Amino acid sequence: MKRLMLDTCVVVDMLVNAAGIDKDVSAILKDPDYVLCASFETMRELVVLFNNKKIRSRQWKTAEDVIRMVENDLEIEFLPLRDHVGYTYSRLQLNEALNHYDPSDHIIISHAITEHIPLLSSDKKFSFYRQQGLELIEY
């Protein structure tokens, strides 16, 4: 089985806009050859989004409900951040040309590079990081 790391935007779409996901992306997400993963940083971002009322559903009463739905219903495994991800993060050259200074994005990118896991994202700023070892599946 191959692992596929999902950017936070993908997980949010799966949670709140599953019907709006592109059919090609949906096919990737349903591919039985992939184990779907997300960085612990995505978990943190989901909690922040919920607490700031940026994502909502009647199914969730707490941020913990959101996390459980991601793990149990969407079957996405959250990967822990380890020190070697921090070393990759510390060496990451930023996409200054596109003003890409989002530290959460950089942690997710560093996590994917360190673990050698392809990253699925719609973020157009991510292609810059291919030259640093990111295997990106963009849509």
Protein backbone atom coordinates (compact mmCIF):
# COMPACT_ATOMS: atom_id res chain seq x y z
CA MET A 1 0.00 0.00 0.00
CA LYS A 2 1.16 3.51 -0.83
CA ARG A 3 0.57 6.43 1.45
CA LEU A 4 -0.90 9.70 0.20
CA MET A 5 -0.69 12.85 2.31
CA LEU A 6 -3.62 15.21 2.07
CA ASP A 7 -3.23 18.95 2.41
CA THR A 8 -5.63 20.60 4.86
CA CYS A 9 -7.68 22.06 2.01
CA VAL A 10 -8.42 18.53 0.75
CA VAL A 11 -9.51 17.31 4.18
CA VAL A 12 -11.76 20.35 4.61
CA ASP A 13 -13.35 19.70 1.21
CA MET A 14 -13.94 16.08 2.18
CA LEU A 15 -15.61 17.24 5.39
CA VAL A 16 -17.81 20.07 4.14
CA ASN A 17 -17.96 19.90 0.36
CA ALA A 18 -17.56 16.25 -0.65
CA ALA A 19 -20.04 16.63 -3.52
CA GLY A 20 -17.96 19.47 -4.94
CA ILE A 21 -14.72 17.50 -5.17
CA ASP A 22 -13.48 17.09 -8.74
CA LYS A 23 -14.14 13.59 -10.11
CA ASP A 24 -10.44 12.99 -10.84
CA VAL A 25 -9.53 13.95 -7.27
CA SER A 26 -12.36 11.81 -5.95
CA ALA A 27 -10.98 8.85 -7.92
CA ILE A 28 -7.56 9.37 -6.30
CA LEU A 29 -9.12 9.54 -2.84
CA LYS A 30 -11.05 6.32 -3.46
CA ASP A 31 -8.08 4.45 -4.95
CA PRO A 32 -7.67 1.32 -2.77
CA ASP A 33 -3.90 1.39 -3.39
CA TYR A 34 -3.61 4.50 -1.21
CA VAL A 35 -3.65 4.83 2.55
CA LEU A 36 -4.82 8.39 3.20
CA CYS A 37 -2.71 10.38 5.65
CA ALA A 38 -2.53 13.91 6.97
CA SER A 39 0.08 15.69 9.01
CA PHE A 40 -0.56 16.40 12.67
CA GLU A 41 -0.38 20.03 11.51
CA THR A 42 -3.60 19.45 9.58
CA MET A 43 -5.25 18.23 12.78
CA ARG A 44 -4.16 21.44 14.49
CA GLU A 45 -5.51 23.53 11.61
CA LEU A 46 -8.86 21.71 11.71
CA VAL A 47 -9.21 22.46 15.42
CA VAL A 48 -8.44 26.13 14.79
CA LEU A 49 -10.93 26.26 11.90
CA PHE A 50 -13.64 24.70 14.05
CA ASN A 51 -12.94 26.89 17.07
CA ASN A 52 -13.01 30.00 14.85
CA LYS A 53 -16.31 28.84 13.31
CA LYS A 54 -14.79 28.54 9.82
CA ILE A 55 -16.05 24.97 9.39
CA ARG A 56 -19.41 23.84 10.66
CA SER A 57 -21.69 20.83 10.57
CA ARG A 58 -24.58 19.63 12.68
CA GLN A 59 -22.60 16.42 13.14
CA TRP A 60 -19.96 18.18 15.23
CA LYS A 61 -20.45 19.66 18.65
CA THR A 62 -16.74 19.86 19.47
CA ALA A 63 -13.42 20.05 17.68
CA GLU A 64 -12.80 16.52 18.92
CA ASP A 65 -15.87 15.39 16.92
CA VAL A 66 -14.25 16.81 13.77
CA ILE A 67 -11.02 14.91 14.42
CA ARG A 68 -12.89 11.67 15.11
CA MET A 69 -14.85 12.05 11.87
CA VAL A 70 -11.64 12.52 9.89
CA GLU A 71 -10.08 9.45 11.46
CA ASN A 72 -13.10 7.15 11.58
CA ASP A 73 -15.45 8.16 8.78
CA LEU A 74 -12.94 9.49 6.25
CA GLU A 75 -10.33 6.92 7.33
CA ILE A 76 -7.46 9.41 7.30
CA GLU A 77 -4.50 8.64 9.54
CA PHE A 78 -2.86 11.59 11.27
CA LEU A 79 0.93 11.27 11.20
CA PRO A 80 2.89 12.57 14.17
CA LEU A 81 5.50 15.27 13.76
CA ARG A 82 8.94 14.05 14.68
CA ASP A 83 12.20 15.91 15.01
CA HIS A 84 13.43 14.93 11.54
CA VAL A 85 10.47 16.88 10.05
CA GLY A 86 11.73 19.90 11.97
CA TYR A 87 15.15 19.56 10.36
CA THR A 88 13.58 19.49 6.90
CA TYR A 89 11.44 22.48 7.89
CA SER A 90 14.54 24.39 9.03
CA ARG A 91 16.19 23.87 5.62
CA LEU A 92 13.13 24.61 3.48
CA GLN A 93 13.65 27.44 1.02
CA LEU A 94 10.48 29.54 0.89
CA ASN A 95 8.58 30.57 -2.21
CA GLU A 96 9.20 34.27 -1.69
CA ALA A 97 8.28 35.13 -5.29
CA LEU A 98 4.66 34.19 -4.50
CA ASN A 99 4.80 35.51 -0.91
CA HIS A 100 4.31 32.02 0.48
CA TYR A 101 4.97 32.49 4.18
CA ASP A 102 2.32 30.20 5.72
CA PRO A 103 4.13 28.16 8.40
CA SER A 104 1.42 25.47 8.45
CA ASP A 105 1.89 24.90 4.72
CA HIS A 106 5.64 24.69 5.25
CA ILE A 107 5.26 22.09 7.99
CA ILE A 108 2.93 19.96 5.83
CA ILE A 109 5.31 20.25 2.87
CA SER A 110 8.30 19.37 5.09
CA HIS A 111 6.40 16.42 6.53
CA ALA A 112 5.63 15.07 3.03
CA ILE A 113 9.25 15.57 1.89
CA THR A 114 10.71 13.92 5.00
CA GLU A 115 8.38 10.91 4.90
CA HIS A 116 8.65 10.57 1.08
CA ILE A 117 4.87 10.69 0.73
CA PRO A 118 3.16 12.30 -2.28
CA LEU A 119 1.11 15.34 -1.23
CA LEU A 120 -2.32 16.04 -2.75
CA SER A 121 -3.16 19.76 -2.82
CA SER A 122 -4.89 22.44 -4.83
CA ASP A 123 -2.48 25.11 -3.59
CA LYS A 124 -0.70 26.55 -6.63
CA LYS A 125 2.20 27.80 -4.50
CA PHE A 126 3.27 24.24 -3.65
CA SER A 127 4.81 23.36 -7.04
CA PHE A 128 7.84 25.52 -6.12
CA TYR A 129 8.80 22.92 -3.50
CA ARG A 130 9.22 20.10 -6.03
CA GLN A 131 12.83 21.20 -6.51
CA GLN A 132 13.34 20.46 -2.81
CA GLY A 133 11.99 16.93 -2.99
CA LEU A 134 8.22 17.38 -2.75
CA GLU A 135 6.26 14.84 -4.77
CA LEU A 136 3.12 16.84 -5.49
CA ILE A 137 -0.19 15.77 -6.96
CA GLU A 138 -1.93 19.03 -7.74
CA TYR A 139 -5.38 19.69 -9.05
